[in-house]
Amino acid sequence: MTVAAKRWMAGVLAVAAAYQGVWAAAFPLSFYNDFPGPGLHWVAALGPYNEHLARDTGALNLALLVLSVWALRRPTREAMMVTGGAWLIYNAIHFLWHMLHLDVFPTIDKIMVATTLAVLLLLSILLMLPLKETKTGPSVRLSEVAGQD
């Protein structure tokens, strides 16, 4: 796994966190009624509205956004592993819960929920993998990428 690939993965996770985080924290009722987009009601299908829970979901995602952006800006081995670990905890539990509660969705939504959450979970796992090694060491010196030389 290269540093560039890990930065790309952290970027995708950051975008996902920003999308969910801002929406849920700032507009919890809209998040409940309309997530993940027009005509889709993935949160509303799962139970009654709870503003506290929606805002907490937003706050959690915004915290993951901060961590992901930090890892993008300082892409050390440790930063990527910690970021991947934090995302892994969140995404593993989130994925498992949704896989056990797909019965409320139409078939196309079941596929979209499972696929979206599986991709996010996979990115979390991949962030934790070691860097690609070459004969002279890691494929890119992390200190060079992070501007620490």
N, C-alpha and C. Protein backbone atom coordinates (compact mmCIF):
# COMPACT_ATOMS: atom_id res chain seq x y z
N MET A 1 0.85 -1.17 0.00
CA MET A 1 0.00 0.00 0.00
C MET A 1 0.89 1.23 0.00
N THR A 2 0.66 2.13 -0.91
CA THR A 2 1.48 3.34 -1.01
C THR A 2 0.89 4.47 -0.16
N VAL A 3 1.72 5.47 0.12
CA VAL A 3 1.25 6.64 0.85
C VAL A 3 0.15 7.34 0.06
N ALA A 4 0.33 7.45 -1.25
CA ALA A 4 -0.68 8.10 -2.09
C ALA A 4 -2.02 7.38 -1.97
N ALA A 5 -2.01 6.07 -1.98
CA ALA A 5 -3.25 5.29 -1.86
C ALA A 5 -3.89 5.52 -0.50
N LYS A 6 -3.07 5.55 0.54
CA LYS A 6 -3.62 5.77 1.88
C LYS A 6 -4.20 7.17 2.01
N ARG A 7 -3.56 8.15 1.39
CA ARG A 7 -4.10 9.51 1.43
C ARG A 7 -5.43 9.58 0.68
N TRP A 8 -5.53 8.87 -0.43
CA TRP A 8 -6.77 8.83 -1.19
C TRP A 8 -7.88 8.22 -0.33
N MET A 9 -7.59 7.12 0.35
CA MET A 9 -8.59 6.47 1.21
C MET A 9 -9.02 7.38 2.34
N ALA A 10 -8.06 8.03 2.99
CA ALA A 10 -8.40 8.96 4.07
C ALA A 10 -9.25 10.10 3.52
N GLY A 11 -8.98 10.52 2.29
CA GLY A 11 -9.77 11.58 1.66
C GLY A 11 -11.20 11.16 1.41
N VAL A 12 -11.39 9.94 0.94
CA VAL A 12 -12.75 9.43 0.71
C VAL A 12 -13.52 9.36 2.04
N LEU A 13 -12.85 8.86 3.06
CA LEU A 13 -13.49 8.79 4.37
C LEU A 13 -13.80 10.19 4.91
N ALA A 14 -12.91 11.15 4.67
CA ALA A 14 -13.15 12.53 5.10
C ALA A 14 -14.37 13.12 4.41
N VAL A 15 -14.50 12.87 3.12
CA VAL A 15 -15.67 13.37 2.38
C VAL A 15 -16.95 12.75 2.93
N ALA A 16 -16.93 11.46 3.19
CA ALA A 16 -18.11 10.79 3.75
C ALA A 16 -18.45 11.38 5.12
N ALA A 17 -17.44 11.64 5.93
CA ALA A 17 -17.67 12.21 7.26
C ALA A 17 -18.22 13.62 7.16
N ALA A 18 -17.69 14.41 6.24
CA ALA A 18 -18.17 15.78 6.07
C ALA A 18 -19.63 15.79 5.62
N TYR A 19 -19.95 14.94 4.66
CA TYR A 19 -21.31 14.86 4.11
C TYR A 19 -22.31 14.51 5.21
N GLN A 20 -22.05 13.44 5.93
CA GLN A 20 -22.96 13.01 6.99
C GLN A 20 -22.91 13.95 8.19
N GLY A 21 -21.70 14.37 8.55
CA GLY A 21 -21.51 15.15 9.76
C GLY A 21 -22.19 16.50 9.72
N VAL A 22 -21.95 17.26 8.67
CA VAL A 22 -22.55 18.58 8.56
C VAL A 22 -24.06 18.45 8.49
N TRP A 23 -24.54 17.54 7.66
CA TRP A 23 -25.98 17.37 7.49
C TRP A 23 -26.66 16.99 8.81
N ALA A 24 -26.13 15.96 9.47
CA ALA A 24 -26.78 15.48 10.70
C ALA A 24 -26.66 16.46 11.85
N ALA A 25 -25.52 17.13 11.98
CA ALA A 25 -25.33 18.06 13.09
C ALA A 25 -26.11 19.35 12.90
N ALA A 26 -26.13 19.87 11.69
CA ALA A 26 -26.76 21.17 11.44
C ALA A 26 -28.24 21.07 11.10
N PHE A 27 -28.64 19.98 10.46
CA PHE A 27 -30.02 19.83 9.99
C PHE A 27 -30.53 18.42 10.34
N PRO A 28 -30.68 18.12 11.63
CA PRO A 28 -30.98 16.74 12.02
C PRO A 28 -32.31 16.20 11.48
N LEU A 29 -33.34 17.04 11.41
CA LEU A 29 -34.62 16.54 10.89
C LEU A 29 -34.52 16.24 9.40
N SER A 30 -33.84 17.08 8.66
CA SER A 30 -33.63 16.82 7.24
C SER A 30 -32.79 15.55 7.05
N PHE A 31 -31.77 15.39 7.87
CA PHE A 31 -30.95 14.17 7.82
C PHE A 31 -31.83 12.94 8.06
N TYR A 32 -32.67 13.02 9.06
CA TYR A 32 -33.57 11.91 9.36
C TYR A 32 -34.51 11.60 8.20
N ASN A 33 -35.11 12.63 7.63
CA ASN A 33 -36.11 12.44 6.58
C ASN A 33 -35.53 12.10 5.21
N ASP A 34 -34.36 12.61 4.88
CA ASP A 34 -33.88 12.58 3.50
C ASP A 34 -32.54 11.91 3.25
N PHE A 35 -31.86 11.43 4.28
CA PHE A 35 -30.55 10.82 4.05
C PHE A 35 -30.72 9.48 3.34
N PRO A 36 -29.90 9.19 2.34
CA PRO A 36 -28.69 9.86 1.90
C PRO A 36 -28.89 10.85 0.76
N GLY A 37 -30.13 11.02 0.30
CA GLY A 37 -30.37 11.97 -0.78
C GLY A 37 -31.84 11.98 -1.17
N PRO A 38 -32.18 12.80 -2.14
CA PRO A 38 -33.58 12.93 -2.56
C PRO A 38 -34.23 11.59 -2.89
N GLY A 39 -35.40 11.39 -2.33
CA GLY A 39 -36.17 10.19 -2.60
C GLY A 39 -35.75 8.97 -1.80
N LEU A 40 -34.68 9.09 -1.02
CA LEU A 40 -34.21 7.98 -0.19
C LEU A 40 -34.44 8.33 1.28
N HIS A 41 -34.80 7.33 2.06
CA HIS A 41 -35.16 7.58 3.46
C HIS A 41 -34.54 6.51 4.35
N TRP A 42 -33.22 6.42 4.31
CA TRP A 42 -32.55 5.32 5.00
C TRP A 42 -32.62 5.46 6.52
N VAL A 43 -32.60 6.66 7.04
CA VAL A 43 -32.67 6.83 8.50
C VAL A 43 -34.13 6.73 8.96
N ALA A 44 -35.02 7.41 8.27
CA ALA A 44 -36.44 7.41 8.66
C ALA A 44 -37.04 6.01 8.66
N ALA A 45 -36.53 5.14 7.82
CA ALA A 45 -37.06 3.78 7.74
C ALA A 45 -36.74 2.96 8.99
N LEU A 46 -35.84 3.46 9.81
CA LEU A 46 -35.34 2.65 10.93
C LEU A 46 -35.92 2.98 12.29
N GLY A 47 -36.85 3.91 12.35
CA GLY A 47 -37.45 4.21 13.65
C GLY A 47 -37.80 5.67 13.78
N PRO A 48 -38.37 6.04 14.92
CA PRO A 48 -38.83 7.42 15.11
C PRO A 48 -37.66 8.41 15.17
N TYR A 49 -37.97 9.65 14.86
CA TYR A 49 -36.99 10.73 14.87
C TYR A 49 -36.49 10.98 16.29
N ASN A 50 -35.18 11.18 16.41
CA ASN A 50 -34.55 11.52 17.68
C ASN A 50 -33.48 12.57 17.38
N GLU A 51 -33.79 13.82 17.69
CA GLU A 51 -32.85 14.90 17.38
C GLU A 51 -31.50 14.69 18.05
N HIS A 52 -31.50 14.25 19.29
CA HIS A 52 -30.25 14.02 20.01
C HIS A 52 -29.38 12.99 19.29
N LEU A 53 -29.98 11.90 18.89
CA LEU A 53 -29.23 10.85 18.20
C LEU A 53 -28.71 11.35 16.85
N ALA A 54 -29.52 12.10 16.11
CA ALA A 54 -29.08 12.62 14.81
C ALA A 54 -27.92 13.59 15.00
N ARG A 55 -28.01 14.50 15.97
CA ARG A 55 -26.91 15.45 16.19
C ARG A 55 -25.65 14.74 16.69
N ASP A 56 -25.81 13.71 17.52
CA ASP A 56 -24.65 12.94 17.97
C ASP A 56 -23.97 12.23 16.79
N THR A 57 -24.78 11.73 15.86
CA THR A 57 -24.23 11.11 14.65
C THR A 57 -23.43 12.15 13.87
N GLY A 58 -23.96 13.35 13.77
CA GLY A 58 -23.23 14.42 13.10
C GLY A 58 -21.93 14.74 13.81
N ALA A 59 -21.98 14.86 15.12
CA ALA A 59 -20.78 15.18 15.90
C ALA A 59 -19.71 14.09 15.74
N LEU A 60 -20.12 12.83 15.79
CA LEU A 60 -19.18 11.73 15.60
C LEU A 60 -18.51 11.81 14.23
N ASN A 61 -19.29 12.06 13.22
CA ASN A 61 -18.73 12.15 11.87
C ASN A 61 -17.83 13.36 11.72
N LEU A 62 -18.16 14.47 12.36
CA LEU A 62 -17.29 15.65 12.29
C LEU A 62 -15.97 15.39 13.01
N ALA A 63 -16.01 14.64 14.11
CA ALA A 63 -14.77 14.26 14.80
C ALA A 63 -13.91 13.36 13.91
N LEU A 64 -14.53 12.42 13.23
CA LEU A 64 -13.79 11.57 12.29
C LEU A 64 -13.24 12.38 11.12
N LEU A 65 -13.97 13.42 10.72
CA LEU A 65 -13.49 14.32 9.68
C LEU A 65 -12.21 15.01 10.11
N VAL A 66 -12.18 15.52 11.33
CA VAL A 66 -10.98 16.19 11.84
C VAL A 66 -9.80 15.22 11.83
N LEU A 67 -10.00 14.02 12.32
CA LEU A 67 -8.93 13.02 12.35
C LEU A 67 -8.47 12.67 10.94
N SER A 68 -9.39 12.51 10.02
CA SER A 68 -9.05 12.15 8.64
C SER A 68 -8.27 13.27 7.95
N VAL A 69 -8.68 14.50 8.15
CA VAL A 69 -7.97 15.63 7.55
C VAL A 69 -6.58 15.75 8.15
N TRP A 70 -6.45 15.54 9.44
CA TRP A 70 -5.13 15.55 10.08
C TRP A 70 -4.24 14.48 9.45
N ALA A 71 -4.76 13.30 9.25
CA ALA A 71 -3.96 12.22 8.64
C ALA A 71 -3.58 12.57 7.20
N LEU A 72 -4.47 13.23 6.49
CA LEU A 72 -4.15 13.67 5.12
C LEU A 72 -3.01 14.69 5.13
N ARG A 73 -3.02 15.58 6.10
CA ARG A 73 -2.01 16.65 6.17
C ARG A 73 -0.69 16.17 6.75
N ARG A 74 -0.73 15.15 7.59
CA ARG A 74 0.46 14.59 8.23
C ARG A 74 0.46 13.07 8.03
N PRO A 75 0.67 12.62 6.81
CA PRO A 75 0.47 11.19 6.50
C PRO A 75 1.61 10.28 6.98
N THR A 76 1.76 10.22 8.30
CA THR A 76 2.73 9.29 8.86
C THR A 76 2.09 7.91 8.95
N ARG A 77 2.92 6.92 9.13
CA ARG A 77 2.43 5.54 9.28
C ARG A 77 1.46 5.48 10.46
N GLU A 78 1.85 6.11 11.57
CA GLU A 78 1.02 6.08 12.77
C GLU A 78 -0.30 6.82 12.56
N ALA A 79 -0.26 7.97 11.90
CA ALA A 79 -1.49 8.74 11.66
C ALA A 79 -2.47 7.93 10.84
N MET A 80 -1.98 7.25 9.82
CA MET A 80 -2.87 6.45 8.99
C MET A 80 -3.43 5.26 9.76
N MET A 81 -2.60 4.64 10.58
CA MET A 81 -3.08 3.48 11.34
C MET A 81 -4.12 3.90 12.39
N VAL A 82 -3.87 5.00 13.09
CA VAL A 82 -4.83 5.46 14.10
C VAL A 82 -6.14 5.88 13.44
N THR A 83 -6.02 6.60 12.34
CA THR A 83 -7.22 7.02 11.61
C THR A 83 -8.00 5.80 11.12
N GLY A 84 -7.29 4.85 10.52
CA GLY A 84 -7.94 3.61 10.08
C GLY A 84 -8.59 2.87 11.23
N GLY A 85 -7.91 2.84 12.39
CA GLY A 85 -8.46 2.15 13.55
C GLY A 85 -9.73 2.80 14.07
N ALA A 86 -9.73 4.12 14.14
CA ALA A 86 -10.93 4.84 14.59
C ALA A 86 -12.09 4.59 13.64
N TRP A 87 -11.82 4.71 12.34
CA TRP A 87 -12.85 4.45 11.34
C TRP A 87 -13.30 2.99 11.38
N LEU A 88 -12.37 2.07 11.62
CA LEU A 88 -12.72 0.66 11.66
C LEU A 88 -13.72 0.36 12.78
N ILE A 89 -13.49 0.93 13.94
CA ILE A 89 -14.42 0.72 15.05
C ILE A 89 -15.82 1.20 14.67
N TYR A 90 -15.89 2.41 14.16
CA TYR A 90 -17.17 2.99 13.77
C TYR A 90 -17.81 2.18 12.63
N ASN A 91 -17.05 1.95 11.58
CA ASN A 91 -17.62 1.30 10.39
C ASN A 91 -17.96 -0.16 10.61
N ALA A 92 -17.20 -0.87 11.42
CA ALA A 92 -17.51 -2.28 11.67
C ALA A 92 -18.84 -2.42 12.41
N ILE A 93 -19.03 -1.61 13.44
CA ILE A 93 -20.27 -1.67 14.20
C ILE A 93 -21.45 -1.17 13.35
N HIS A 94 -21.23 -0.09 12.63
CA HIS A 94 -22.27 0.48 11.76
C HIS A 94 -22.68 -0.53 10.68
N PHE A 95 -21.70 -1.13 10.03
CA PHE A 95 -21.96 -2.13 8.99
C PHE A 95 -22.75 -3.31 9.56
N LEU A 96 -22.29 -3.87 10.67
CA LEU A 96 -22.94 -5.04 11.25
C LEU A 96 -24.39 -4.73 11.63
N TRP A 97 -24.61 -3.58 12.27
CA TRP A 97 -25.97 -3.23 12.66
C TRP A 97 -26.88 -3.16 11.44
N HIS A 98 -26.41 -2.48 10.41
CA HIS A 98 -27.26 -2.35 9.22
C HIS A 98 -27.48 -3.67 8.51
N MET A 99 -26.50 -4.54 8.49
CA MET A 99 -26.68 -5.83 7.84
C MET A 99 -27.75 -6.66 8.57
N LEU A 100 -27.90 -6.43 9.85
CA LEU A 100 -28.90 -7.15 10.64
C LEU A 100 -30.29 -6.49 10.57
N HIS A 101 -30.38 -5.32 9.92
CA HIS A 101 -31.65 -4.59 9.87
C HIS A 101 -32.01 -4.12 8.46
N LEU A 102 -31.65 -4.91 7.48
CA LEU A 102 -31.95 -4.55 6.08
C LEU A 102 -33.40 -4.81 5.69
N ASP A 103 -34.12 -5.54 6.51
CA ASP A 103 -35.48 -5.96 6.14
C ASP A 103 -36.44 -4.80 5.91
N VAL A 104 -36.15 -3.60 6.40
CA VAL A 104 -37.06 -2.46 6.24
C VAL A 104 -36.91 -1.77 4.88
N PHE A 105 -35.91 -2.16 4.11
CA PHE A 105 -35.60 -1.47 2.85
C PHE A 105 -36.06 -2.27 1.64
N PRO A 106 -36.40 -1.57 0.55
CA PRO A 106 -36.62 -2.26 -0.72
C PRO A 106 -35.29 -2.84 -1.21
N THR A 107 -35.35 -3.76 -2.13
CA THR A 107 -34.16 -4.48 -2.58
C THR A 107 -33.04 -3.56 -3.05
N ILE A 108 -33.33 -2.57 -3.86
CA ILE A 108 -32.28 -1.69 -4.37
C ILE A 108 -31.59 -0.93 -3.23
N ASP A 109 -32.37 -0.51 -2.23
CA ASP A 109 -31.79 0.18 -1.08
C ASP A 109 -30.95 -0.79 -0.24
N LYS A 110 -31.39 -2.03 -0.11
CA LYS A 110 -30.58 -3.03 0.60
C LYS A 110 -29.21 -3.14 -0.04
N ILE A 111 -29.19 -3.20 -1.36
CA ILE A 111 -27.92 -3.32 -2.10
C ILE A 111 -27.08 -2.07 -1.90
N MET A 112 -27.70 -0.90 -2.00
CA MET A 112 -26.95 0.36 -1.86
C MET A 112 -26.41 0.55 -0.44
N VAL A 113 -27.20 0.24 0.57
CA VAL A 113 -26.74 0.34 1.95
C VAL A 113 -25.57 -0.60 2.18
N ALA A 114 -25.75 -1.86 1.81
CA ALA A 114 -24.70 -2.85 2.03
C ALA A 114 -23.42 -2.48 1.28
N THR A 115 -23.54 -2.04 0.05
CA THR A 115 -22.36 -1.70 -0.75
C THR A 115 -21.66 -0.48 -0.19
N THR A 116 -22.40 0.56 0.11
CA THR A 116 -21.80 1.79 0.64
C THR A 116 -21.06 1.52 1.94
N LEU A 117 -21.71 0.84 2.86
CA LEU A 117 -21.09 0.58 4.15
C LEU A 117 -19.93 -0.40 4.04
N ALA A 118 -20.01 -1.35 3.11
CA ALA A 118 -18.89 -2.28 2.90
C ALA A 118 -17.67 -1.56 2.36
N VAL A 119 -17.88 -0.62 1.45
CA VAL A 119 -16.75 0.15 0.90
C VAL A 119 -16.08 0.96 2.00
N LEU A 120 -16.87 1.63 2.82
CA LEU A 120 -16.30 2.42 3.91
C LEU A 120 -15.55 1.54 4.90
N LEU A 121 -16.09 0.37 5.19
CA LEU A 121 -15.41 -0.57 6.08
C LEU A 121 -14.10 -1.04 5.46
N LEU A 122 -14.12 -1.37 4.19
CA LEU A 122 -12.91 -1.82 3.50
C LEU A 122 -11.84 -0.74 3.51
N LEU A 123 -12.21 0.50 3.25
CA LEU A 123 -11.24 1.60 3.29
C LEU A 123 -10.62 1.73 4.68
N SER A 124 -11.42 1.54 5.71
CA SER A 124 -10.91 1.59 7.09
C SER A 124 -9.85 0.52 7.31
N ILE A 125 -10.12 -0.67 6.85
CA ILE A 125 -9.17 -1.78 7.01
C ILE A 125 -7.91 -1.51 6.21
N LEU A 126 -8.06 -1.06 4.98
CA LEU A 126 -6.89 -0.81 4.12
C LEU A 126 -6.00 0.29 4.67
N LEU A 127 -6.57 1.27 5.34
CA LEU A 127 -5.75 2.33 5.94
C LEU A 127 -4.79 1.78 6.98
N MET A 128 -5.14 0.66 7.56
CA MET A 128 -4.30 0.09 8.61
C MET A 128 -3.20 -0.83 8.07
N LEU A 129 -3.23 -1.15 6.79
CA LEU A 129 -2.20 -2.03 6.22
C LEU A 129 -0.85 -1.33 6.17
N PRO A 130 0.24 -2.11 6.22
CA PRO A 130 1.56 -1.49 6.16
C PRO A 130 1.85 -0.90 4.78
N LEU A 131 2.82 -0.01 4.76
CA LEU A 131 3.24 0.58 3.50
C LEU A 131 3.94 -0.45 2.64
N LYS A 132 3.87 -0.24 1.33
CA LYS A 132 4.56 -1.09 0.37
C LYS A 132 6.07 -0.90 0.54
N GLU A 133 6.79 -1.98 0.69
CA GLU A 133 8.24 -1.94 0.86
C GLU A 133 8.93 -2.19 -0.48
N THR A 134 10.03 -1.50 -0.69
CA THR A 134 10.87 -1.75 -1.86
C THR A 134 12.23 -2.20 -1.36
N LYS A 135 13.18 -2.46 -2.28
CA LYS A 135 14.51 -2.90 -1.87
C LYS A 135 15.22 -1.84 -1.03
N THR A 136 14.87 -0.58 -1.24
CA THR A 136 15.52 0.51 -0.50
C THR A 136 14.67 1.03 0.64
N GLY A 137 13.55 0.41 0.94
CA GLY A 137 12.71 0.85 2.04
C GLY A 137 11.30 1.13 1.57
N PRO A 138 10.55 1.88 2.37
CA PRO A 138 9.17 2.19 1.97
C PRO A 138 9.14 2.88 0.62
N SER A 139 8.02 2.72 -0.09
CA SER A 139 7.91 3.26 -1.44
C SER A 139 8.07 4.77 -1.47
N VAL A 140 7.68 5.46 -0.43
CA VAL A 140 7.88 6.90 -0.29
C VAL A 140 8.17 7.14 1.18
N ARG A 141 9.15 7.94 1.45
CA ARG A 141 9.43 8.27 2.84
C ARG A 141 8.31 9.15 3.36
N LEU A 142 7.66 8.70 4.43
CA LEU A 142 6.54 9.45 4.97
C LEU A 142 6.95 10.85 5.41
N SER A 143 8.16 11.01 5.91
CA SER A 143 8.59 12.34 6.36
C SER A 143 8.66 13.30 5.17
N GLU A 144 8.98 12.80 3.98
CA GLU A 144 9.01 13.67 2.79
C GLU A 144 7.60 14.13 2.42
N VAL A 145 6.65 13.19 2.46
CA VAL A 145 5.27 13.51 2.10
C VAL A 145 4.69 14.50 3.10
N ALA A 146 5.03 14.32 4.37
CA ALA A 146 4.49 15.17 5.41
C ALA A 146 5.26 16.49 5.54
N GLY A 147 6.33 16.67 4.77
CA GLY A 147 7.09 17.91 4.81
C GLY A 147 7.94 18.03 6.07
N GLN A 148 8.41 16.91 6.59
CA GLN A 148 9.19 16.92 7.83
C GLN A 148 10.68 16.85 7.59
N ASP A 149 11.15 16.85 6.35
CA ASP A 149 12.60 16.80 6.09
C ASP A 149 13.24 18.15 6.19
